[in-house]
């Protein structure tokens, strides 16, 4: 009997960025609010599931239905571990609805901040945090 192979391609409807910063999430969000004109506010806590322990990560979010904008800043590194194993060198992850990032020039604008040391694109499929990213879609 022939074996069947499941071919499952994950379709991400968001872009993911890694941000390095030495400040707390509230201060980073305040700075991003000034740069972009957003209103990032506390949204929820997502749980990172790991073999040894579960970690809790703060999420700040801004949604603008008129522009089709959905931005989330997620604290990646906490004392107990990281949310995205594949992006463990970043302090924060920034999830932006696909198609909007090009218009906003995300990387170019964030680099203007004195609070950010590094910002770059992260492949969501290799980040190790897809479950948590999809969890943000649930209301």
C-alpha atoms as a PDB file:
ATOM      1  CA  UNK A   1       0.000   0.000   0.000  1.00  0.00           C
ATOM      2  CA  UNK A   2       1.489   3.389  -0.956  1.00  0.00           C
ATOM      3  CA  UNK A   3       2.137   5.968   1.729  1.00  0.00           C
ATOM      4  CA  UNK A   4       0.358   9.272   1.553  1.00  0.00           C
ATOM      5  CA  UNK A   5       2.267  12.411   2.301  1.00  0.00           C
ATOM      6  CA  UNK A   6       0.463  15.361   3.750  1.00  0.00           C
ATOM      7  CA  UNK A   7       1.486  18.560   2.024  1.00  0.00           C
ATOM      8  CA  UNK A   8       0.442  21.401   4.270  1.00  0.00           C
ATOM      9  CA  UNK A   9       1.607  24.887   3.489  1.00  0.00           C
ATOM     10  CA  UNK A  10       0.987  27.509   6.132  1.00  0.00           C
ATOM     11  CA  UNK A  11      -0.341  30.806   4.836  1.00  0.00           C
ATOM     12  CA  UNK A  12       0.574  33.732   7.072  1.00  0.00           C
ATOM     13  CA  UNK A  13      -1.507  36.865   6.611  1.00  0.00           C
ATOM     14  CA  UNK A  14       1.016  38.971   8.520  1.00  0.00           C
ATOM     15  CA  UNK A  15       4.605  40.169   8.369  1.00  0.00           C
ATOM     16  CA  UNK A  16       6.849  39.655  11.376  1.00  0.00           C
ATOM     17  CA  UNK A  17       9.706  41.878  12.503  1.00  0.00           C
ATOM     18  CA  UNK A  18      12.273  41.455  15.247  1.00  0.00           C
ATOM     19  CA  UNK A  19      13.146  44.494  17.344  1.00  0.00           C
ATOM     20  CA  UNK A  20      16.077  44.928  19.691  1.00  0.00           C
ATOM     21  CA  UNK A  21      15.553  47.534  22.404  1.00  0.00           C
ATOM     22  CA  UNK A  22      16.797  48.149  25.937  1.00  0.00           C
ATOM     23  CA  UNK A  23      13.538  49.683  27.214  1.00  0.00           C
ATOM     24  CA  UNK A  24      10.299  48.299  28.606  1.00  0.00           C
ATOM     25  CA  UNK A  25       7.356  47.536  26.344  1.00  0.00           C
ATOM     26  CA  UNK A  26       5.304  50.534  27.524  1.00  0.00           C
ATOM     27  CA  UNK A  27       8.118  52.934  26.646  1.00  0.00           C
ATOM     28  CA  UNK A  28       8.776  51.327  23.266  1.00  0.00           C
ATOM     29  CA  UNK A  29       5.063  51.506  22.417  1.00  0.00           C
ATOM     30  CA  UNK A  30       4.951  55.172  23.439  1.00  0.00           C
ATOM     31  CA  UNK A  31       7.823  55.882  21.037  1.00  0.00           C
ATOM     32  CA  UNK A  32       6.235  53.889  18.189  1.00  0.00           C
ATOM     33  CA  UNK A  33       2.951  55.704  18.796  1.00  0.00           C
ATOM     34  CA  UNK A  34       4.780  59.008  18.249  1.00  0.00           C
ATOM     35  CA  UNK A  35       6.574  57.786  15.119  1.00  0.00           C
ATOM     36  CA  UNK A  36       3.564  56.249  13.381  1.00  0.00           C
ATOM     37  CA  UNK A  37       0.608  58.078  14.965  1.00  0.00           C
ATOM     38  CA  UNK A  38      -0.726  54.826  16.422  1.00  0.00           C
ATOM     39  CA  UNK A  39      -2.423  54.112  19.739  1.00  0.00           C
ATOM     40  CA  UNK A  40      -0.696  50.923  20.901  1.00  0.00           C
ATOM     41  CA  UNK A  41      -2.267  49.833  24.182  1.00  0.00           C
ATOM     42  CA  UNK A  42      -2.147  46.735  26.356  1.00  0.00           C
ATOM     43  CA  UNK A  43      -4.147  43.945  24.714  1.00  0.00           C
ATOM     44  CA  UNK A  44      -3.444  40.623  26.442  1.00  0.00           C
ATOM     45  CA  UNK A  45      -0.856  38.089  27.522  1.00  0.00           C
ATOM     46  CA  UNK A  46       0.056  35.200  25.244  1.00  0.00           C
ATOM     47  CA  UNK A  47       1.546  32.013  26.623  1.00  0.00           C
ATOM     48  CA  UNK A  48       4.592  30.381  25.106  1.00  0.00           C
ATOM     49  CA  UNK A  49       4.427  26.618  25.504  1.00  0.00           C
ATOM     50  CA  UNK A  50       7.805  24.993  26.129  1.00  0.00           C
ATOM     51  CA  UNK A  51       8.900  21.597  27.383  1.00  0.00           C
ATOM     52  CA  UNK A  52      10.314  22.860  30.675  1.00  0.00           C
ATOM     53  CA  UNK A  53       7.849  25.670  31.488  1.00  0.00           C
ATOM     54  CA  UNK A  54       5.299  28.043  30.032  1.00  0.00           C
ATOM     55  CA  UNK A  55       6.207  31.682  29.556  1.00  0.00           C
ATOM     56  CA  UNK A  56       3.936  34.735  29.559  1.00  0.00           C
ATOM     57  CA  UNK A  57       4.465  37.543  27.047  1.00  0.00           C
ATOM     58  CA  UNK A  58       2.788  40.968  27.067  1.00  0.00           C
ATOM     59  CA  UNK A  59       1.058  42.128  23.878  1.00  0.00           C
ATOM     60  CA  UNK A  60       0.322  45.742  22.948  1.00  0.00           C
ATOM     61  CA  UNK A  61      -1.916  46.293  19.950  1.00  0.00           C
ATOM     62  CA  UNK A  62      -3.326  48.919  17.606  1.00  0.00           C
ATOM     63  CA  UNK A  63      -6.172  48.165  15.176  1.00  0.00           C
ATOM     64  CA  UNK A  64      -7.482  50.624  12.593  1.00  0.00           C
ATOM     65  CA  UNK A  65     -10.245  49.011  10.545  1.00  0.00           C
ATOM     66  CA  UNK A  66     -10.472  51.917   8.088  1.00  0.00           C
ATOM     67  CA  UNK A  67      -6.824  51.569   7.054  1.00  0.00           C
ATOM     68  CA  UNK A  68      -6.845  47.782   7.398  1.00  0.00           C
ATOM     69  CA  UNK A  69      -4.092  48.100   9.973  1.00  0.00           C
ATOM     70  CA  UNK A  70      -3.466  45.544  12.719  1.00  0.00           C
ATOM     71  CA  UNK A  71      -0.193  45.931  14.626  1.00  0.00           C
ATOM     72  CA  UNK A  72       0.908  43.957  17.673  1.00  0.00           C
ATOM     73  CA  UNK A  73       4.083  44.397  19.717  1.00  0.00           C
ATOM     74  CA  UNK A  74       4.911  41.230  21.629  1.00  0.00           C
ATOM     75  CA  UNK A  75       7.525  41.003  24.374  1.00  0.00           C
ATOM     76  CA  UNK A  76       9.697  38.139  23.131  1.00  0.00           C
ATOM     77  CA  UNK A  77      12.275  37.718  25.882  1.00  0.00           C
ATOM     78  CA  UNK A  78      11.211  37.245  29.484  1.00  0.00           C
ATOM     79  CA  UNK A  79      13.261  35.902  32.426  1.00  0.00           C
ATOM     80  CA  UNK A  80      11.817  32.386  31.985  1.00  0.00           C
ATOM     81  CA  UNK A  81      12.575  32.133  28.247  1.00  0.00           C
ATOM     82  CA  UNK A  82      11.613  33.366  24.796  1.00  0.00           C
ATOM     83  CA  UNK A  83       8.430  33.143  22.775  1.00  0.00           C
ATOM     84  CA  UNK A  84      10.094  32.781  19.366  1.00  0.00           C
ATOM     85  CA  UNK A  85      12.987  30.309  19.581  1.00  0.00           C
ATOM     86  CA  UNK A  86      13.996  31.144  15.999  1.00  0.00           C
ATOM     87  CA  UNK A  87      14.210  34.837  16.862  1.00  0.00           C
ATOM     88  CA  UNK A  88      15.651  34.579  20.364  1.00  0.00           C
ATOM     89  CA  UNK A  89      18.072  37.484  19.885  1.00  0.00           C
ATOM     90  CA  UNK A  90      15.207  39.991  19.635  1.00  0.00           C
ATOM     91  CA  UNK A  91      13.580  41.626  22.622  1.00  0.00           C
ATOM     92  CA  UNK A  92      10.292  42.235  20.801  1.00  0.00           C
ATOM     93  CA  UNK A  93       8.330  40.881  17.877  1.00  0.00           C
ATOM     94  CA  UNK A  94       6.172  43.129  15.753  1.00  0.00           C
ATOM     95  CA  UNK A  95       3.293  41.532  13.874  1.00  0.00           C
ATOM     96  CA  UNK A  96       1.815  43.645  11.069  1.00  0.00           C
ATOM     97  CA  UNK A  97      -1.061  42.697   8.757  1.00  0.00           C
ATOM     98  CA  UNK A  98       0.384  41.757   5.356  1.00  0.00           C
ATOM     99  CA  UNK A  99       0.240  44.425   2.676  1.00  0.00           C
ATOM    100  CA  UNK A 100       0.353  47.370   5.068  1.00  0.00           C
ATOM    101  CA  UNK A 101       4.037  47.256   6.008  1.00  0.00           C
ATOM    102  CA  UNK A 102       5.250  48.466   2.612  1.00  0.00           C
ATOM    103  CA  UNK A 103       3.072  51.582   2.775  1.00  0.00           C
ATOM    104  CA  UNK A 104       4.266  52.443   6.283  1.00  0.00           C
ATOM    105  CA  UNK A 105       7.970  51.797   5.591  1.00  0.00           C
ATOM    106  CA  UNK A 106       8.152  49.939   8.905  1.00  0.00           C
ATOM    107  CA  UNK A 107      11.900  49.306   9.087  1.00  0.00           C
ATOM    108  CA  UNK A 108      12.900  52.741   7.823  1.00  0.00           C
ATOM    109  CA  UNK A 109      10.598  54.511  10.280  1.00  0.00           C
ATOM    110  CA  UNK A 110      11.518  52.379  13.307  1.00  0.00           C
ATOM    111  CA  UNK A 111      15.215  53.028  12.684  1.00  0.00           C
ATOM    112  CA  UNK A 112      14.526  56.708  13.457  1.00  0.00           C
ATOM    113  CA  UNK A 113      13.876  55.749  17.077  1.00  0.00           C
ATOM    114  CA  UNK A 114      16.665  56.246  19.603  1.00  0.00           C
ATOM    115  CA  UNK A 115      15.199  53.414  21.692  1.00  0.00           C
ATOM    116  CA  UNK A 116      15.661  50.721  19.019  1.00  0.00           C
ATOM    117  CA  UNK A 117      19.071  49.156  18.383  1.00  0.00           C
ATOM    118  CA  UNK A 118      17.999  46.685  15.703  1.00  0.00           C
ATOM    119  CA  UNK A 119      14.976  45.977  13.520  1.00  0.00           C
ATOM    120  CA  UNK A 120      14.712  43.386  10.766  1.00  0.00           C
ATOM    121  CA  UNK A 121      12.275  41.100   9.007  1.00  0.00           C
ATOM    122  CA  UNK A 122      11.754  37.655  10.577  1.00  0.00           C
ATOM    123  CA  UNK A 123      10.386  34.647   8.693  1.00  0.00           C
ATOM    124  CA  UNK A 124       7.212  33.742  10.638  1.00  0.00           C
ATOM    125  CA  UNK A 125       7.418  30.056   9.700  1.00  0.00           C
ATOM    126  CA  UNK A 126      10.943  29.743  11.113  1.00  0.00           C
ATOM    127  CA  UNK A 127      10.307  31.874  14.193  1.00  0.00           C
ATOM    128  CA  UNK A 128       8.896  29.078  16.320  1.00  0.00           C
ATOM    129  CA  UNK A 129       6.042  31.296  17.477  1.00  0.00           C
ATOM    130  CA  UNK A 130       3.338  30.616  14.910  1.00  0.00           C
ATOM    131  CA  UNK A 131       0.903  29.272  17.515  1.00  0.00           C
ATOM    132  CA  UNK A 132       1.152  32.476  19.522  1.00  0.00           C
ATOM    133  CA  UNK A 133       0.864  34.640  16.396  1.00  0.00           C
ATOM    134  CA  UNK A 134      -2.312  32.850  15.315  1.00  0.00           C
ATOM    135  CA  UNK A 135      -3.620  33.119  18.891  1.00  0.00           C
ATOM    136  CA  UNK A 136      -3.682  36.906  18.408  1.00  0.00           C
ATOM    137  CA  UNK A 137      -6.373  36.456  15.751  1.00  0.00           C
ATOM    138  CA  UNK A 138      -8.797  35.151  18.363  1.00  0.00           C
ATOM    139  CA  UNK A 139     -10.817  37.841  20.067  1.00  0.00           C
END
